[in-house]
PDB file of N, CA and C in Angstrom:
ATOM      1  N   MET A   1      16.010 -29.349   3.584  1.00  0.00           N
ATOM      2  CA  MET A   1      16.380 -29.382   4.975  1.00  0.00           C
ATOM      3  C   MET A   1      17.086 -28.073   5.328  1.00  0.00           C
ATOM      4  N   ILE A   2      16.774 -27.535   6.506  1.00  0.00           N
ATOM      5  CA  ILE A   2      17.323 -26.257   6.950  1.00  0.00           C
ATOM      6  C   ILE A   2      18.497 -26.508   7.890  1.00  0.00           C
ATOM      7  N   ASP A   3      19.599 -25.836   7.609  1.00  0.00           N
ATOM      8  CA  ASP A   3      20.762 -25.908   8.501  1.00  0.00           C
ATOM      9  C   ASP A   3      20.503 -24.965   9.667  1.00  0.00           C
ATOM     10  N   LEU A   4      20.296 -25.514  10.856  1.00  0.00           N
ATOM     11  CA  LEU A   4      19.968 -24.686  12.016  1.00  0.00           C
ATOM     12  C   LEU A   4      21.091 -23.732  12.400  1.00  0.00           C
ATOM     13  N   GLY A   5      22.318 -24.105  12.176  1.00  0.00           N
ATOM     14  CA  GLY A   5      23.440 -23.218  12.469  1.00  0.00           C
ATOM     15  C   GLY A   5      23.400 -21.972  11.613  1.00  0.00           C
ATOM     16  N   ILE A   6      23.159 -22.154  10.329  1.00  0.00           N
ATOM     17  CA  ILE A   6      23.079 -21.020   9.404  1.00  0.00           C
ATOM     18  C   ILE A   6      21.866 -20.157   9.742  1.00  0.00           C
ATOM     19  N   ALA A   7      20.749 -20.810  10.033  1.00  0.00           N
ATOM     20  CA  ALA A   7      19.536 -20.070  10.373  1.00  0.00           C
ATOM     21  C   ALA A   7      19.744 -19.254  11.647  1.00  0.00           C
ATOM     22  N   ALA A   8      20.395 -19.843  12.631  1.00  0.00           N
ATOM     23  CA  ALA A   8      20.647 -19.132  13.887  1.00  0.00           C
ATOM     24  C   ALA A   8      21.575 -17.946  13.660  1.00  0.00           C
ATOM     25  N   GLU A   9      22.596 -18.109  12.836  1.00  0.00           N
ATOM     26  CA  GLU A   9      23.512 -17.011  12.529  1.00  0.00           C
ATOM     27  C   GLU A   9      22.781 -15.877  11.808  1.00  0.00           C
ATOM     28  N   ALA A  10      21.926 -16.228  10.856  1.00  0.00           N
ATOM     29  CA  ALA A  10      21.175 -15.218  10.120  1.00  0.00           C
ATOM     30  C   ALA A  10      20.238 -14.469  11.060  1.00  0.00           C
ATOM     31  N   TYR A  11      19.593 -15.197  11.956  1.00  0.00           N
ATOM     32  CA  TYR A  11      18.694 -14.572  12.920  1.00  0.00           C
ATOM     33  C   TYR A  11      19.464 -13.624  13.838  1.00  0.00           C
ATOM     34  N   ALA A  12      20.607 -14.074  14.340  1.00  0.00           N
ATOM     35  CA  ALA A  12      21.421 -13.250  15.228  1.00  0.00           C
ATOM     36  C   ALA A  12      21.899 -11.991  14.506  1.00  0.00           C
ATOM     37  N   GLN A  13      22.279 -12.139  13.250  1.00  0.00           N
ATOM     38  CA  GLN A  13      22.737 -10.990  12.463  1.00  0.00           C
ATOM     39  C   GLN A  13      21.598  -9.988  12.276  1.00  0.00           C
ATOM     40  N   ARG A  14      20.413 -10.491  11.954  1.00  0.00           N
ATOM     41  CA  ARG A  14      19.252  -9.622  11.763  1.00  0.00           C
ATOM     42  C   ARG A  14      18.903  -8.892  13.058  1.00  0.00           C
ATOM     43  N   GLU A  15      18.951  -9.595  14.175  1.00  0.00           N
ATOM     44  CA  GLU A  15      18.672  -8.978  15.473  1.00  0.00           C
ATOM     45  C   GLU A  15      19.699  -7.888  15.794  1.00  0.00           C
ATOM     46  N   ALA A  16      20.963  -8.156  15.512  1.00  0.00           N
ATOM     47  CA  ALA A  16      22.017  -7.167  15.766  1.00  0.00           C
ATOM     48  C   ALA A  16      21.798  -5.917  14.917  1.00  0.00           C
ATOM     49  N   GLU A  17      21.404  -6.108  13.665  1.00  0.00           N
ATOM     50  CA  GLU A  17      21.144  -4.977  12.789  1.00  0.00           C
ATOM     51  C   GLU A  17      19.955  -4.159  13.290  1.00  0.00           C
ATOM     52  N   GLU A  18      18.922  -4.830  13.747  1.00  0.00           N
ATOM     53  CA  GLU A  18      17.750  -4.131  14.284  1.00  0.00           C
ATOM     54  C   GLU A  18      18.113  -3.342  15.543  1.00  0.00           C
ATOM     55  N   ARG A  19      18.918  -3.947  16.431  1.00  0.00           N
ATOM     56  CA  ARG A  19      19.360  -3.235  17.637  1.00  0.00           C
ATOM     57  C   ARG A  19      20.169  -2.003  17.264  1.00  0.00           C
ATOM     58  N   GLN A  20      21.035  -2.143  16.267  1.00  0.00           N
ATOM     59  CA  GLN A  20      21.864  -1.023  15.823  1.00  0.00           C
ATOM     60  C   GLN A  20      20.988   0.107  15.281  1.00  0.00           C
ATOM     61  N   LYS A  21      19.977  -0.232  14.482  1.00  0.00           N
ATOM     62  CA  LYS A  21      19.066   0.779  13.942  1.00  0.00           C
ATOM     63  C   LYS A  21      18.307   1.475  15.068  1.00  0.00           C
ATOM     64  N   GLU A  22      17.846   0.700  16.039  1.00  0.00           N
ATOM     65  CA  GLU A  22      17.105   1.270  17.164  1.00  0.00           C
ATOM     66  C   GLU A  22      17.995   2.200  17.980  1.00  0.00           C
ATOM     67  N   MET A  23      19.232   1.807  18.222  1.00  0.00           N
ATOM     68  CA  MET A  23      20.156   2.658  18.976  1.00  0.00           C
ATOM     69  C   MET A  23      20.431   3.959  18.226  1.00  0.00           C
ATOM     70  N   GLN A  24      20.576   3.879  16.917  1.00  0.00           N
ATOM     71  CA  GLN A  24      20.809   5.088  16.128  1.00  0.00           C
ATOM     72  C   GLN A  24      19.595   6.005  16.173  1.00  0.00           C
ATOM     73  N   ARG A  25      18.398   5.423  16.111  1.00  0.00           N
ATOM     74  CA  ARG A  25      17.175   6.216  16.177  1.00  0.00           C
ATOM     75  C   ARG A  25      17.069   6.917  17.536  1.00  0.00           C
ATOM     76  N   LYS A  26      17.394   6.197  18.606  1.00  0.00           N
ATOM     77  CA  LYS A  26      17.359   6.793  19.941  1.00  0.00           C
ATOM     78  C   LYS A  26      18.402   7.897  20.071  1.00  0.00           C
ATOM     79  N   ARG A  27      19.589   7.649  19.510  1.00  0.00           N
ATOM     80  CA  ARG A  27      20.641   8.667  19.555  1.00  0.00           C
ATOM     81  C   ARG A  27      20.187   9.937  18.843  1.00  0.00           C
ATOM     82  N   ASN A  28      19.578   9.764  17.666  1.00  0.00           N
ATOM     83  CA  ASN A  28      19.092  10.923  16.914  1.00  0.00           C
ATOM     84  C   ASN A  28      18.056  11.705  17.714  1.00  0.00           C
ATOM     85  N   GLU A  29      17.158  10.992  18.368  1.00  0.00           N
ATOM     86  CA  GLU A  29      16.131  11.679  19.139  1.00  0.00           C
ATOM     87  C   GLU A  29      16.726  12.368  20.369  1.00  0.00           C
ATOM     88  N   LEU A  30      17.710  11.757  20.990  1.00  0.00           N
ATOM     89  CA  LEU A  30      18.365  12.402  22.130  1.00  0.00           C
ATOM     90  C   LEU A  30      19.125  13.653  21.687  1.00  0.00           C
ATOM     91  N   GLU A  31      19.744  13.577  20.524  1.00  0.00           N
ATOM     92  CA  GLU A  31      20.427  14.758  20.002  1.00  0.00           C
ATOM     93  C   GLU A  31      19.432  15.879  19.734  1.00  0.00           C
ATOM     94  N   GLU A  32      18.215  15.521  19.332  1.00  0.00           N
ATOM     95  CA  GLU A  32      17.154  16.521  19.162  1.00  0.00           C
ATOM     96  C   GLU A  32      16.892  17.233  20.480  1.00  0.00           C
ATOM     97  N   ILE A  33      16.793  16.477  21.561  1.00  0.00           N
ATOM     98  CA  ILE A  33      16.532  17.070  22.875  1.00  0.00           C
ATOM     99  C   ILE A  33      17.692  17.946  23.308  1.00  0.00           C
ATOM    100  N   LEU A  34      18.901  17.441  23.129  1.00  0.00           N
ATOM    101  CA  LEU A  34      20.083  18.170  23.572  1.00  0.00           C
ATOM    102  C   LEU A  34      20.346  19.406  22.723  1.00  0.00           C
ATOM    103  N   GLY A  35      19.912  19.355  21.481  1.00  0.00           N
ATOM    104  CA  GLY A  35      20.171  20.467  20.578  1.00  0.00           C
ATOM    105  C   GLY A  35      21.583  20.469  20.037  1.00  0.00           C
ATOM    106  N   GLN A  36      22.266  19.343  20.185  1.00  0.00           N
ATOM    107  CA  GLN A  36      23.622  19.224  19.660  1.00  0.00           C
ATOM    108  C   GLN A  36      23.979  17.751  19.517  1.00  0.00           C
ATOM    109  N   PRO A  37      24.941  17.440  18.636  1.00  0.00           N
ATOM    110  CA  PRO A  37      25.371  16.056  18.506  1.00  0.00           C
ATOM    111  C   PRO A  37      25.996  15.544  19.801  1.00  0.00           C
ATOM    112  N   ILE A  38      25.728  14.312  20.107  1.00  0.00           N
ATOM    113  CA  ILE A  38      26.294  13.714  21.318  1.00  0.00           C
ATOM    114  C   ILE A  38      27.814  13.736  21.270  1.00  0.00           C
ATOM    115  N   SER A  39      28.402  13.511  20.092  1.00  0.00           N
ATOM    116  CA  SER A  39      29.861  13.490  19.979  1.00  0.00           C
ATOM    117  C   SER A  39      30.484  14.815  20.388  1.00  0.00           C
ATOM    118  N   ASN A  40      29.784  15.923  20.203  1.00  0.00           N
ATOM    119  CA  ASN A  40      30.310  17.228  20.599  1.00  0.00           C
ATOM    120  C   ASN A  40      30.413  17.383  22.107  1.00  0.00           C
ATOM    121  N   MET A  41      29.700  16.579  22.828  1.00  0.00           N
ATOM    122  CA  MET A  41      29.720  16.675  24.280  1.00  0.00           C
ATOM    123  C   MET A  41      31.027  16.135  24.848  1.00  0.00           C
ATOM    124  N   TYR A  42      31.786  15.396  24.062  1.00  0.00           N
ATOM    125  CA  TYR A  42      32.990  14.734  24.553  1.00  0.00           C
ATOM    126  C   TYR A  42      34.261  15.234  23.897  1.00  0.00           C
ATOM    127  N   GLN A  43      34.209  16.367  23.260  1.00  0.00           N
ATOM    128  CA  GLN A  43      35.391  16.899  22.586  1.00  0.00           C
ATOM    129  C   GLN A  43      36.097  17.918  23.466  1.00  0.00           C
ATOM    130  N   GLY A  44      36.695  17.436  24.522  1.00  0.00           N
ATOM    131  CA  GLY A  44      37.464  18.303  25.397  1.00  0.00           C
ATOM    132  C   GLY A  44      36.632  19.368  26.077  1.00  0.00           C
ATOM    133  N   GLY A  45      35.356  19.143  26.192  1.00  0.00           N
ATOM    134  CA  GLY A  45      34.489  20.100  26.862  1.00  0.00           C
ATOM    135  C   GLY A  45      34.211  21.344  26.044  1.00  0.00           C
ATOM    136  N   ALA A  46      34.618  21.334  24.778  1.00  0.00           N
ATOM    137  CA  ALA A  46      34.390  22.508  23.929  1.00  0.00           C
ATOM    138  C   ALA A  46      32.907  22.675  23.682  1.00  0.00           C
ATOM    139  N   ALA A  47      32.467  23.897  23.752  1.00  0.00           N
ATOM    140  CA  ALA A  47      31.046  24.182  23.546  1.00  0.00           C
ATOM    141  C   ALA A  47      30.702  24.065  22.073  1.00  0.00           C
ATOM    142  N   TYR A  48      29.553  23.609  21.797  1.00  0.00           N
ATOM    143  CA  TYR A  48      29.038  23.504  20.440  1.00  0.00           C
ATOM    144  C   TYR A  48      28.334  24.812  20.106  1.00  0.00           C
ATOM    145  N   SER A  49      28.595  25.373  18.956  1.00  0.00           N
ATOM    146  CA  SER A  49      28.111  26.714  18.652  1.00  0.00           C
ATOM    147  C   SER A  49      26.799  26.749  17.861  1.00  0.00           C
ATOM    148  N   ALA A  50      26.218  25.607  17.561  1.00  0.00           N
ATOM    149  CA  ALA A  50      24.951  25.613  16.828  1.00  0.00           C
ATOM    150  C   ALA A  50      23.851  26.178  17.714  1.00  0.00           C
ATOM    151  N   PRO A  51      22.861  26.793  17.116  1.00  0.00           N
ATOM    152  CA  PRO A  51      21.771  27.359  17.906  1.00  0.00           C
ATOM    153  C   PRO A  51      21.035  26.274  18.692  1.00  0.00           C
ATOM    154  N   GLN A  52      20.682  26.614  19.917  1.00  0.00           N
ATOM    155  CA  GLN A  52      19.953  25.688  20.769  1.00  0.00           C
ATOM    156  C   GLN A  52      18.471  25.738  20.419  1.00  0.00           C
ATOM    157  N   LYS A  53      17.810  24.595  20.618  1.00  0.00           N
ATOM    158  CA  LYS A  53      16.361  24.564  20.452  1.00  0.00           C
ATOM    159  C   LYS A  53      15.742  25.303  21.624  1.00  0.00           C
ATOM    160  N   SER A  54      14.557  25.820  21.417  1.00  0.00           N
ATOM    161  CA  SER A  54      13.877  26.520  22.504  1.00  0.00           C
ATOM    162  C   SER A  54      13.510  25.518  23.603  1.00  0.00           C
ATOM    163  N   THR A  55      13.330  26.028  24.788  1.00  0.00           N
ATOM    164  CA  THR A  55      12.936  25.181  25.919  1.00  0.00           C
ATOM    165  C   THR A  55      11.637  24.459  25.595  1.00  0.00           C
ATOM    166  N   GLU A  56      10.710  25.165  25.004  1.00  0.00           N
ATOM    167  CA  GLU A  56       9.427  24.553  24.652  1.00  0.00           C
ATOM    168  C   GLU A  56       9.621  23.384  23.685  1.00  0.00           C
ATOM    169  N   ASP A  57      10.447  23.581  22.661  1.00  0.00           N
ATOM    170  CA  ASP A  57      10.705  22.515  21.689  1.00  0.00           C
ATOM    171  C   ASP A  57      11.387  21.315  22.354  1.00  0.00           C
ATOM    172  N   ARG A  58      12.339  21.588  23.227  1.00  0.00           N
ATOM    173  CA  ARG A  58      13.045  20.496  23.916  1.00  0.00           C
ATOM    174  C   ARG A  58      12.081  19.708  24.800  1.00  0.00           C
ATOM    175  N   LEU A  59      11.174  20.411  25.490  1.00  0.00           N
ATOM    176  CA  LEU A  59      10.206  19.723  26.346  1.00  0.00           C
ATOM    177  C   LEU A  59       9.213  18.913  25.508  1.00  0.00           C
ATOM    178  N   LYS A  60       8.809  19.441  24.362  1.00  0.00           N
ATOM    179  CA  LYS A  60       7.906  18.708  23.479  1.00  0.00           C
ATOM    180  C   LYS A  60       8.569  17.433  22.969  1.00  0.00           C
ATOM    181  N   THR A  61       9.816  17.552  22.533  1.00  0.00           N
ATOM    182  CA  THR A  61      10.543  16.387  22.050  1.00  0.00           C
ATOM    183  C   THR A  61      10.722  15.361  23.159  1.00  0.00           C
ATOM    184  N   LEU A  62      11.048  15.829  24.340  1.00  0.00           N
ATOM    185  CA  LEU A  62      11.209  14.941  25.486  1.00  0.00           C
ATOM    186  C   LEU A  62       9.909  14.193  25.770  1.00  0.00           C
ATOM    187  N   ASN A  63       8.802  14.903  25.731  1.00  0.00           N
ATOM    188  CA  ASN A  63       7.501  14.283  25.967  1.00  0.00           C
ATOM    189  C   ASN A  63       7.188  13.228  24.901  1.00  0.00           C
ATOM    190  N   GLU A  64       7.535  13.520  23.653  1.00  0.00           N
ATOM    191  CA  GLU A  64       7.318  12.564  22.565  1.00  0.00           C
ATOM    192  C   GLU A  64       8.122  11.284  22.800  1.00  0.00           C
ATOM    193  N   LEU A  65       9.356  11.430  23.245  1.00  0.00           N
ATOM    194  CA  LEU A  65      10.181  10.261  23.540  1.00  0.00           C
ATOM    195  C   LEU A  65       9.546   9.398  24.621  1.00  0.00           C
ATOM    196  N   LYS A  66       9.012  10.053  25.641  1.00  0.00           N
ATOM    197  CA  LYS A  66       8.362   9.316  26.729  1.00  0.00           C
ATOM    198  C   LYS A  66       7.114   8.610  26.217  1.00  0.00           C
ATOM    199  N   GLU A  67       6.304   9.316  25.435  1.00  0.00           N
ATOM    200  CA  GLU A  67       5.067   8.734  24.905  1.00  0.00           C
ATOM    201  C   GLU A  67       5.340   7.548  23.994  1.00  0.00           C
ATOM    202  N   LYS A  68       6.459   7.580  23.268  1.00  0.00           N
ATOM    203  CA  LYS A  68       6.830   6.483  22.373  1.00  0.00           C
ATOM    204  C   LYS A  68       7.479   5.320  23.131  1.00  0.00           C
ATOM    205  N   GLY A  69       7.733   5.529  24.411  1.00  0.00           N
ATOM    206  CA  GLY A  69       8.365   4.481  25.208  1.00  0.00           C
ATOM    207  C   GLY A  69       9.862   4.360  24.981  1.00  0.00           C
ATOM    208  N   LEU A  70      10.473   5.405  24.437  1.00  0.00           N
ATOM    209  CA  LEU A  70      11.906   5.373  24.154  1.00  0.00           C
ATOM    210  C   LEU A  70      12.750   5.750  25.370  1.00  0.00           C
ATOM    211  N   ILE A  71      12.134   6.403  26.333  1.00  0.00           N
ATOM    212  CA  ILE A  71      12.816   6.713  27.584  1.00  0.00           C
ATOM    213  C   ILE A  71      11.887   6.349  28.734  1.00  0.00           C
ATOM    214  N   THR A  72      12.475   6.089  29.874  1.00  0.00           N
ATOM    215  CA  THR A  72      11.683   5.717  31.045  1.00  0.00           C
ATOM    216  C   THR A  72      11.108   6.968  31.706  1.00  0.00           C
ATOM    217  N   GLU A  73      10.181   6.747  32.603  1.00  0.00           N
ATOM    218  CA  GLU A  73       9.597   7.851  33.365  1.00  0.00           C
ATOM    219  C   GLU A  73      10.685   8.571  34.164  1.00  0.00           C
ATOM    220  N   GLU A  74      11.614   7.798  34.705  1.00  0.00           N
ATOM    221  CA  GLU A  74      12.709   8.388  35.488  1.00  0.00           C
ATOM    222  C   GLU A  74      13.621   9.241  34.604  1.00  0.00           C
ATOM    223  N   GLU A  75      13.965   8.727  33.427  1.00  0.00           N
ATOM    224  CA  GLU A  75      14.795   9.501  32.494  1.00  0.00           C
ATOM    225  C   GLU A  75      14.069  10.776  32.083  1.00  0.00           C
ATOM    226  N   TYR A  76      12.778  10.646  31.835  1.00  0.00           N
ATOM    227  CA  TYR A  76      11.966  11.802  31.468  1.00  0.00           C
ATOM    228  C   TYR A  76      12.002  12.863  32.569  1.00  0.00           C
ATOM    229  N   ALA A  77      11.750  12.434  33.803  1.00  0.00           N
ATOM    230  CA  ALA A  77      11.699  13.381  34.927  1.00  0.00           C
ATOM    231  C   ALA A  77      13.050  14.061  35.136  1.00  0.00           C
ATOM    232  N   ASN A  78      14.127  13.281  35.054  1.00  0.00           N
ATOM    233  CA  ASN A  78      15.467  13.849  35.249  1.00  0.00           C
ATOM    234  C   ASN A  78      15.802  14.875  34.176  1.00  0.00           C
ATOM    235  N   LYS A  79      15.547  14.536  32.920  1.00  0.00           N
ATOM    236  CA  LYS A  79      15.884  15.450  31.829  1.00  0.00           C
ATOM    237  C   LYS A  79      14.979  16.677  31.860  1.00  0.00           C
ATOM    238  N   ARG A  80      13.705  16.493  32.183  1.00  0.00           N
ATOM    239  CA  ARG A  80      12.784  17.624  32.279  1.00  0.00           C
ATOM    240  C   ARG A  80      13.263  18.609  33.342  1.00  0.00           C
ATOM    241  N   LYS A  81      13.698  18.063  34.466  1.00  0.00           N
ATOM    242  CA  LYS A  81      14.211  18.912  35.550  1.00  0.00           C
ATOM    243  C   LYS A  81      15.438  19.697  35.056  1.00  0.00           C
ATOM    244  N   GLN A  82      16.344  19.020  34.333  1.00  0.00           N
ATOM    245  CA  GLN A  82      17.544  19.694  33.820  1.00  0.00           C
ATOM    246  C   GLN A  82      17.174  20.833  32.870  1.00  0.00           C
ATOM    247  N   ILE A  83      16.229  20.560  31.981  1.00  0.00           N
ATOM    248  CA  ILE A  83      15.819  21.575  31.019  1.00  0.00           C
ATOM    249  C   ILE A  83      15.226  22.785  31.729  1.00  0.00           C
ATOM    250  N   ILE A  84      14.368  22.540  32.689  1.00  0.00           N
ATOM    251  CA  ILE A  84      13.719  23.642  33.414  1.00  0.00           C
ATOM    252  C   ILE A  84      14.728  24.413  34.249  1.00  0.00           C
ATOM    253  N   GLU A  85      15.713  23.743  34.817  1.00  0.00           N
ATOM    254  CA  GLU A  85      16.729  24.424  35.616  1.00  0.00           C
ATOM    255  C   GLU A  85      17.571  25.370  34.760  1.00  0.00           C
ATOM    256  N   GLN A  86      17.609  25.144  33.462  1.00  0.00           N
ATOM    257  CA  GLN A  86      18.388  26.012  32.570  1.00  0.00           C
ATOM    258  C   GLN A  86      17.668  27.315  32.246  1.00  0.00           C
ATOM    259  N   LEU A  87      16.426  27.446  32.690  1.00  0.00           N
ATOM    260  CA  LEU A  87      15.671  28.687  32.421  1.00  0.00           C
ATOM    261  C   LEU A  87      16.251  29.855  33.176  1.00  0.00           C
TER     262      LEU A  87
END
């Protein structure tokens, strides 16, 4: 006999772990686009000194995120506009 309470807890735990993995994967991909760790964006406004990715590379990565369904069309358009405005 299966204890439904235990099964529900195990399922909820597994779902939480999957969400956490997905969020980390999205964060990593966004950091690829930004060319810097997200945490550096909130350290008193200090600039991050690592080399930036080229505009072409950032646009390619952005397009890949959209194609994978990791960002919406609106997020894609907004970020693409930001990248191009930096030219």
